[in-house]
Amino acid sequence: MNSCSIDDLSFQKVCFSYDDKLNTKEILNNFSYKIKKGKFTSIIGPSGSGKTSLLKLISGIVKCKKGEIRFENEIIKKKSIDVSLVQQSASLMPWLNVYQNIELGDINKKNKKFNKIDKVIKDVGLQEYTKFFPYQLSGGLLQRVAIARALLFNPKLLLLDEPFAALDNLSREIISTELTSIIKKEAVTVIMVTHSIEEAALLSDEVLVTGLAPINVIKSFIPPKSKNSESWQKLGLRKSLEDKCFHKYLKSIRDTSYQALQKET
């Protein structure tokens, strides 16, 4: 990767595995790589290869057995408010309304004073739903709440684990594009795990294709410049697919993903 900085997210000979009495599953074996700070990076790989475990290692929820993970030149040793993880399930408190669930992200109650909560709610389009409870919300709205709560932490690093997977295709396309635009305005480093090659190609500054466990980066993709006056993300998936340049970029990611899977199975 070009132009690496000591502030990038770096993996240095990281080893991690799940062990029990019957089985051992190796997730990382001397894994070394750097992901650019301030960029939106997507990771695509086979199911069960350990991508979610990778996010948990970055977040500090679990610890690597060997090696180290650094961000902004500091070793990630434990869970930190500087790192937010948004999972496929929104994990909201059912007895709290939208406003109260988002407010949970303000652990020191300092953002309420500066109206940051109201700003985040407005940014993600939840003004009309502040008094609604989780059972009254669609899947897309639930994910808006989860992302709003994560942004309230003012994270330096935002981790997204299949955040739009539970949505139907149309909702997924609209909501993922809207929320990614908001996230990018926050100038936060984002790493998203997804099985959608189209989603990764459309939203990301870089796409990493991985193989089966133990994880290795087979190839990285940087989107070429669009010939259109607007970015692919602003155009949306359907219009972007009419762009030959985007179609070629998408095909190269898909072909590499399929080849990697066929080679390793």
Protein backbone atom coordinates (compact mmCIF):
# COMPACT_ATOMS: atom_id res chain seq x y z
CA MET A 1 0.00 0.00 0.00
CA ASN A 2 1.37 3.42 -0.93
CA SER A 3 1.98 6.48 1.28
CA CYS A 4 1.66 4.64 4.59
CA SER A 5 1.64 6.67 7.80
CA ILE A 6 2.40 5.72 11.39
CA ASP A 7 -1.16 6.90 12.19
CA ASP A 8 -2.71 4.25 9.93
CA LEU A 9 -4.38 1.16 11.37
CA SER A 10 -1.62 -1.42 11.32
CA PHE A 11 -1.50 -5.14 12.03
CA GLN A 12 1.95 -6.37 12.96
CA LYS A 13 2.39 -10.16 12.90
CA VAL A 14 -0.98 -10.70 14.57
CA CYS A 15 -2.03 -14.20 15.60
CA PHE A 16 -5.49 -15.11 16.85
CA SER A 17 -7.51 -18.31 17.13
CA TYR A 18 -10.55 -19.72 18.88
CA ASP A 19 -9.74 -22.77 20.97
CA ASP A 20 -11.91 -25.30 22.77
CA LYS A 21 -11.45 -28.90 23.86
CA LEU A 22 -12.44 -30.31 20.49
CA ASN A 23 -11.44 -27.74 17.89
CA THR A 24 -9.11 -24.89 17.11
CA LYS A 25 -10.02 -22.31 14.48
CA GLU A 26 -7.14 -20.14 13.35
CA ILE A 27 -8.30 -16.65 12.32
CA LEU A 28 -5.00 -14.80 11.88
CA ASN A 29 -1.51 -16.21 11.51
CA ASN A 30 1.32 -13.64 11.49
CA PHE A 31 -1.02 -11.21 9.76
CA SER A 32 0.56 -7.89 8.80
CA TYR A 33 -1.22 -5.12 6.93
CA LYS A 34 -1.97 -1.39 6.97
CA ILE A 35 -5.32 0.31 6.42
CA LYS A 36 -5.31 4.02 5.64
CA LYS A 37 -6.44 6.47 8.29
CA GLY A 38 -9.37 8.70 7.29
CA LYS A 39 -10.59 6.35 4.54
CA PHE A 40 -13.66 4.15 4.12
CA THR A 41 -12.38 0.61 3.65
CA SER A 42 -14.55 -2.43 2.94
CA ILE A 43 -13.55 -6.04 3.53
CA ILE A 44 -15.06 -8.82 1.39
CA GLY A 45 -14.43 -12.49 2.03
CA PRO A 46 -16.04 -15.93 2.39
CA SER A 47 -18.55 -16.58 5.16
CA GLY A 48 -16.99 -17.96 8.31
CA SER A 49 -13.50 -16.75 7.47
CA GLY A 50 -13.26 -14.56 10.58
CA LYS A 51 -14.06 -11.05 9.34
CA THR A 52 -16.26 -10.31 12.37
CA SER A 53 -13.48 -11.56 14.64
CA LEU A 54 -11.14 -9.17 12.87
CA LEU A 55 -13.43 -6.24 13.77
CA LYS A 56 -13.63 -7.43 17.37
CA LEU A 57 -9.84 -7.49 17.55
CA ILE A 58 -9.66 -3.93 16.20
CA SER A 59 -12.30 -2.78 18.68
CA GLY A 60 -10.43 -4.32 21.61
CA ILE A 61 -13.33 -6.60 22.57
CA VAL A 62 -11.00 -9.58 22.12
CA LYS A 63 -7.22 -9.62 22.31
CA CYS A 64 -4.73 -11.04 19.84
CA LYS A 65 -2.53 -13.87 21.09
CA LYS A 66 0.61 -12.57 19.44
CA GLY A 67 1.60 -9.42 17.62
CA GLU A 68 -0.02 -6.02 17.96
CA ILE A 69 -2.63 -3.76 16.39
CA ARG A 70 -1.89 -0.03 16.28
CA PHE A 71 -3.95 3.02 15.40
CA GLU A 72 -2.55 6.53 15.45
CA ASN A 73 0.68 4.87 16.57
CA GLU A 74 -0.87 3.53 19.78
CA ILE A 75 -1.37 -0.15 20.56
CA ILE A 76 -5.03 -1.20 20.85
CA LYS A 77 -5.14 -3.13 24.11
CA LYS A 78 -8.74 -2.83 25.26
CA LYS A 79 -12.14 -1.48 24.30
CA SER A 80 -12.04 2.28 23.86
CA ILE A 81 -14.62 5.02 23.27
CA ASP A 82 -12.42 6.10 20.34
CA VAL A 83 -13.54 2.94 18.52
CA SER A 84 -17.23 2.18 17.83
CA LEU A 85 -18.55 -1.12 16.51
CA VAL A 86 -21.95 -1.25 14.78
CA GLN A 87 -23.15 -4.81 14.26
CA GLN A 88 -25.79 -6.35 12.00
CA SER A 89 -28.21 -6.40 14.92
CA ALA A 90 -28.86 -2.86 16.16
CA SER A 91 -28.78 -4.04 19.83
CA LEU A 92 -31.07 -1.31 21.13
CA MET A 93 -32.67 -1.21 24.58
CA PRO A 94 -36.34 -2.15 23.97
CA TRP A 95 -37.59 -0.15 27.00
CA LEU A 96 -35.97 3.09 25.77
CA ASN A 97 -37.20 5.31 22.94
CA VAL A 98 -35.05 6.46 20.02
CA TYR A 99 -33.75 9.58 21.76
CA GLN A 100 -32.89 7.66 24.94
CA ASN A 101 -31.15 4.88 23.00
CA ILE A 102 -28.99 7.42 21.16
CA GLU A 103 -28.32 9.28 24.41
CA LEU A 104 -26.69 6.10 25.75
CA GLY A 105 -23.75 6.95 23.50
CA ASP A 106 -23.16 10.11 25.49
CA ILE A 107 -21.55 8.42 28.46
CA ASN A 108 -20.40 11.67 30.07
CA LYS A 109 -23.63 13.56 29.23
CA LYS A 110 -21.47 16.30 27.72
CA ASN A 111 -22.95 16.25 24.22
CA LYS A 112 -26.47 16.99 25.48
CA LYS A 113 -25.22 20.37 26.64
CA PHE A 114 -23.94 21.23 23.16
CA ASN A 115 -26.95 19.79 21.30
CA LYS A 116 -24.79 17.12 19.63
CA ILE A 117 -27.56 14.58 20.19
CA ASP A 118 -30.06 16.73 18.29
CA LYS A 119 -27.53 17.28 15.49
CA VAL A 120 -26.85 13.56 15.08
CA ILE A 121 -30.56 12.78 15.11
CA LYS A 122 -31.12 15.36 12.37
CA ASP A 123 -28.14 14.12 10.33
CA VAL A 124 -29.42 10.54 10.20
CA GLY A 125 -33.03 11.57 9.57
CA LEU A 126 -34.67 10.53 12.83
CA GLN A 127 -36.32 13.80 13.89
CA GLU A 128 -39.82 12.36 13.52
CA TYR A 129 -39.02 9.18 15.45
CA THR A 130 -37.40 10.38 18.69
CA LYS A 131 -40.29 9.14 20.86
CA PHE A 132 -40.70 5.82 19.04
CA PHE A 133 -39.60 2.55 20.64
CA PRO A 134 -37.51 -0.09 18.80
CA TYR A 135 -40.48 -2.41 18.17
CA GLN A 136 -42.15 0.43 16.24
CA LEU A 137 -39.24 0.89 13.81
CA SER A 138 -38.29 -0.72 10.51
CA GLY A 139 -34.92 -2.41 10.05
CA GLY A 140 -33.54 0.63 8.27
CA LEU A 141 -34.58 2.99 11.06
CA LEU A 142 -33.09 0.66 13.68
CA GLN A 143 -29.73 0.85 11.91
CA ARG A 144 -30.00 4.64 11.74
CA VAL A 145 -30.38 4.68 15.54
CA ALA A 146 -27.39 2.36 16.01
CA ILE A 147 -25.17 4.47 13.75
CA ALA A 148 -26.35 7.72 15.38
CA ARG A 149 -25.42 6.32 18.78
CA ALA A 150 -22.01 5.26 17.50
CA LEU A 151 -21.33 8.72 15.99
CA LEU A 152 -22.21 10.39 19.29
CA PHE A 153 -19.05 8.86 20.76
CA ASN A 154 -17.05 10.98 18.28
CA PRO A 155 -15.10 7.84 17.37
CA LYS A 156 -11.80 8.02 15.55
CA LEU A 157 -12.46 4.56 14.17
CA LEU A 158 -15.90 3.28 13.16
CA LEU A 159 -16.36 -0.45 12.52
CA LEU A 160 -19.41 -1.68 10.59
CA ASP A 161 -20.25 -5.39 10.59
CA GLU A 162 -22.78 -6.09 7.81
CA PRO A 163 -24.82 -3.08 9.01
CA PHE A 164 -27.35 -3.23 6.16
CA ALA A 165 -27.63 -6.99 5.65
CA ALA A 166 -31.07 -7.29 7.25
CA LEU A 167 -32.64 -4.80 4.83
CA ASP A 168 -34.38 -5.48 1.54
CA ASN A 169 -32.35 -4.56 -1.56
CA LEU A 170 -34.03 -1.23 -2.26
CA SER A 171 -33.84 -0.03 1.36
CA ARG A 172 -30.26 -1.26 1.58
CA GLU A 173 -29.21 0.77 -1.46
CA ILE A 174 -30.89 3.98 -0.29
CA ILE A 175 -29.98 3.82 3.40
CA SER A 176 -26.39 2.66 2.93
CA THR A 177 -25.68 5.52 0.53
CA GLU A 178 -27.34 8.12 2.77
CA LEU A 179 -25.61 7.00 5.95
CA THR A 180 -22.22 6.60 4.28
CA SER A 181 -22.43 10.22 3.11
CA ILE A 182 -23.08 11.31 6.71
CA ILE A 183 -20.28 9.13 8.09
CA LYS A 184 -17.77 10.48 5.57
CA LYS A 185 -18.55 14.05 6.63
CA GLU A 186 -17.36 13.12 10.13
CA ALA A 187 -13.86 12.46 8.74
CA VAL A 188 -13.70 9.22 10.70
CA THR A 189 -11.77 6.12 9.64
CA VAL A 190 -14.31 3.44 8.67
CA ILE A 191 -13.90 -0.30 8.17
CA MET A 192 -16.94 -2.19 6.91
CA VAL A 193 -17.36 -5.93 6.55
CA THR A 194 -19.88 -6.82 3.86
CA HIS A 195 -20.85 -9.67 1.55
CA SER A 196 -22.19 -7.24 -1.02
CA ILE A 197 -19.57 -6.58 -3.69
CA GLU A 198 -21.76 -3.85 -5.21
CA GLU A 199 -22.08 -2.10 -1.86
CA ALA A 200 -18.33 -2.25 -1.24
CA ALA A 201 -17.49 -0.94 -4.71
CA LEU A 202 -20.00 1.90 -4.50
CA LEU A 203 -19.24 3.19 -1.00
CA SER A 204 -15.56 2.55 -0.35
CA ASP A 205 -12.29 4.35 -0.90
CA GLU A 206 -10.64 0.92 -0.90
CA VAL A 207 -11.91 -2.66 -1.11
CA LEU A 208 -9.93 -5.55 0.38
CA VAL A 209 -10.64 -9.08 -0.86
CA THR A 210 -9.71 -11.79 1.63
CA GLY A 211 -9.57 -15.57 1.46
CA LEU A 212 -10.55 -18.33 3.85
CA ALA A 213 -9.21 -18.42 7.39
CA PRO A 214 -6.53 -17.71 8.39
CA ILE A 215 -7.31 -14.34 6.81
CA ASN A 216 -4.99 -12.86 4.23
CA VAL A 217 -5.53 -9.92 1.90
CA ILE A 218 -5.48 -11.36 -1.61
CA LYS A 219 -5.87 -8.05 -3.41
CA SER A 220 -6.86 -4.46 -2.72
CA PHE A 221 -8.86 -2.27 -5.10
CA ILE A 222 -8.89 1.52 -5.36
CA PRO A 223 -11.79 2.91 -7.42
CA PRO A 224 -10.80 4.67 -10.64
CA LYS A 225 -12.05 8.19 -11.18
CA SER A 226 -15.56 8.34 -12.56
CA LYS A 227 -16.00 10.04 -15.92
CA ASN A 228 -19.28 11.47 -14.67
CA SER A 229 -19.44 14.87 -13.00
CA GLU A 230 -20.85 13.22 -9.86
CA SER A 231 -19.31 10.43 -7.81
CA TRP A 232 -20.68 6.90 -8.09
CA GLN A 233 -21.95 7.13 -4.55
CA LYS A 234 -24.04 10.22 -5.37
CA LEU A 235 -25.30 8.62 -8.56
CA GLY A 236 -26.42 5.48 -6.72
CA LEU A 237 -25.94 1.85 -7.69
CA ARG A 238 -28.42 1.65 -10.56
CA LYS A 239 -27.05 4.68 -12.41
CA SER A 240 -23.46 3.71 -11.62
CA LEU A 241 -24.03 0.34 -13.25
CA GLU A 242 -24.63 2.22 -16.50
CA ASP A 243 -21.08 3.59 -16.25
CA LYS A 244 -18.70 1.25 -18.12
CA CYS A 245 -15.84 2.27 -15.83
CA PHE A 246 -17.79 1.30 -12.70
CA HIS A 247 -19.01 -1.91 -14.31
CA LYS A 248 -15.41 -2.88 -15.12
CA TYR A 249 -14.27 -2.04 -11.58
CA LEU A 250 -17.10 -4.09 -10.08
CA LYS A 251 -16.31 -7.04 -12.34
CA SER A 252 -12.63 -7.03 -11.35
CA ILE A 253 -13.55 -7.23 -7.64
CA ARG A 254 -16.12 -9.97 -8.27
CA ASP A 255 -13.76 -12.04 -10.43
CA THR A 256 -10.98 -11.84 -7.82
CA SER A 257 -13.40 -12.85 -5.05
CA TYR A 258 -14.67 -15.88 -6.97
CA GLN A 259 -11.19 -16.95 -8.07
CA ALA A 260 -9.90 -16.72 -4.50
CA LEU A 261 -12.76 -18.85 -3.18
CA GLN A 262 -12.40 -21.48 -5.90
CA LYS A 263 -8.64 -21.64 -5.39
CA GLU A 264 -8.90 -22.21 -1.64
CA THR A 265 -11.79 -24.68 -1.62
